[in-house]
Amino acid sequence: MLRVVLPQLLSRLITSLRLLLGSAWLFLISAEAISATAGLGYRIFLVRRYMAMDVIIPYVIWITLLAWLMDLALRQLHKACFPWAEGGRE
């Protein structure tokens, strides 16, 4: 039974982790903006006061790139570890 349940559980765990990372990034940036003295969220919040979009846009692009790379890594890990869990796509 463990030979069936455990792989299915791990496959869904990685998928759940991918989905939760979006919320985690949102909360991380929000928490940094509110109470931190360092970090990307803090810098965006600090520069926002001066409406310096030329500084804000690269930070947003950097955050987007980091989140996308984390998602890509988890997708590749899922595909490598669980090729049978692709949902029938060929």
Protein backbone atom coordinates (compact mmCIF):
# COMPACT_ATOMS: atom_id res chain seq x y z
CA MET A 1 0.00 0.00 0.00
CA LEU A 2 2.84 2.41 0.80
CA ARG A 3 4.29 1.85 -2.67
CA VAL A 4 1.15 3.40 -4.14
CA VAL A 5 0.16 5.99 -1.57
CA LEU A 6 3.56 7.56 -0.90
CA PRO A 7 4.43 8.47 -4.51
CA GLN A 8 0.96 9.88 -5.06
CA LEU A 9 1.24 11.88 -1.84
CA LEU A 10 4.67 13.28 -2.73
CA SER A 11 3.48 14.25 -6.21
CA ARG A 12 0.57 16.20 -4.78
CA LEU A 13 2.81 17.71 -2.10
CA ILE A 14 5.09 19.27 -4.71
CA THR A 15 2.07 20.57 -6.62
CA SER A 16 0.66 22.08 -3.42
CA LEU A 17 4.01 23.67 -2.65
CA ARG A 18 4.03 25.28 -6.11
CA LEU A 19 0.57 26.72 -5.54
CA LEU A 20 1.39 28.00 -2.05
CA LEU A 21 4.56 29.77 -3.16
CA GLY A 22 2.49 32.49 -4.83
CA SER A 23 0.84 33.38 -1.53
CA ALA A 24 4.14 33.05 0.29
CA TRP A 25 5.77 35.62 -2.00
CA LEU A 26 2.82 37.98 -1.53
CA PHE A 27 3.00 37.73 2.27
CA LEU A 28 6.78 37.99 2.28
CA ILE A 29 6.82 41.22 0.28
CA SER A 30 3.94 42.64 2.34
CA ALA A 31 5.66 41.80 5.63
CA GLU A 32 8.91 43.35 4.43
CA ALA A 33 7.08 46.48 3.34
CA ILE A 34 5.36 46.86 6.71
CA SER A 35 7.97 46.00 9.31
CA ALA A 36 11.40 45.26 7.86
CA THR A 37 14.40 47.50 7.46
CA ALA A 38 15.86 45.49 4.59
CA GLY A 39 14.64 43.44 1.66
CA LEU A 40 12.94 43.96 -1.66
CA GLY A 41 9.53 44.73 -0.14
CA TYR A 42 11.05 47.35 2.13
CA ARG A 43 12.88 48.99 -0.76
CA ILE A 44 9.75 49.07 -2.92
CA PHE A 45 7.77 50.60 -0.06
CA LEU A 46 10.51 53.15 0.62
CA VAL A 47 10.89 54.26 -3.00
CA ARG A 48 7.11 54.29 -3.53
CA ARG A 49 6.91 57.46 -1.46
CA TYR A 50 8.92 59.30 -4.10
CA MET A 51 7.09 57.67 -7.03
CA ALA A 52 10.43 56.56 -8.48
CA MET A 53 9.09 54.02 -10.94
CA ASP A 54 12.51 53.68 -12.54
CA VAL A 55 13.64 52.07 -9.28
CA ILE A 56 10.45 50.14 -8.48
CA ILE A 57 10.13 48.37 -11.84
CA PRO A 58 13.51 46.54 -11.64
CA TYR A 59 12.63 45.34 -8.12
CA VAL A 60 9.28 44.02 -9.34
CA ILE A 61 10.97 42.34 -12.31
CA TRP A 62 13.54 40.76 -9.96
CA ILE A 63 10.80 39.42 -7.66
CA THR A 64 8.89 38.07 -10.66
CA LEU A 65 12.03 36.39 -12.00
CA LEU A 66 12.81 34.77 -8.65
CA ALA A 67 9.25 33.49 -8.26
CA TRP A 68 9.19 32.20 -11.83
CA LEU A 69 12.52 30.38 -11.40
CA MET A 70 11.31 28.74 -8.18
CA ASP A 71 8.14 27.61 -9.96
CA LEU A 72 10.16 26.32 -12.92
CA ALA A 73 12.47 24.37 -10.61
CA LEU A 74 9.53 22.75 -8.83
CA ARG A 75 7.85 21.90 -12.15
CA GLN A 76 11.04 20.27 -13.42
CA LEU A 77 11.46 18.38 -10.13
CA HIS A 78 7.88 17.16 -10.36
CA LYS A 79 8.33 16.09 -13.97
CA ALA A 80 11.61 14.29 -13.20
CA CYS A 81 10.41 12.51 -10.06
CA PHE A 82 6.84 11.75 -11.10
CA PRO A 83 6.59 11.41 -14.91
CA TRP A 84 3.39 9.39 -14.53
CA ALA A 85 1.59 12.28 -12.79
CA GLU A 86 1.36 14.57 -15.83
CA GLY A 87 -2.37 14.07 -16.28
CA GLY A 88 -2.24 12.10 -19.52
CA ARG A 89 -0.64 14.82 -21.65
CA GLU A 90 1.69 13.61 -24.40
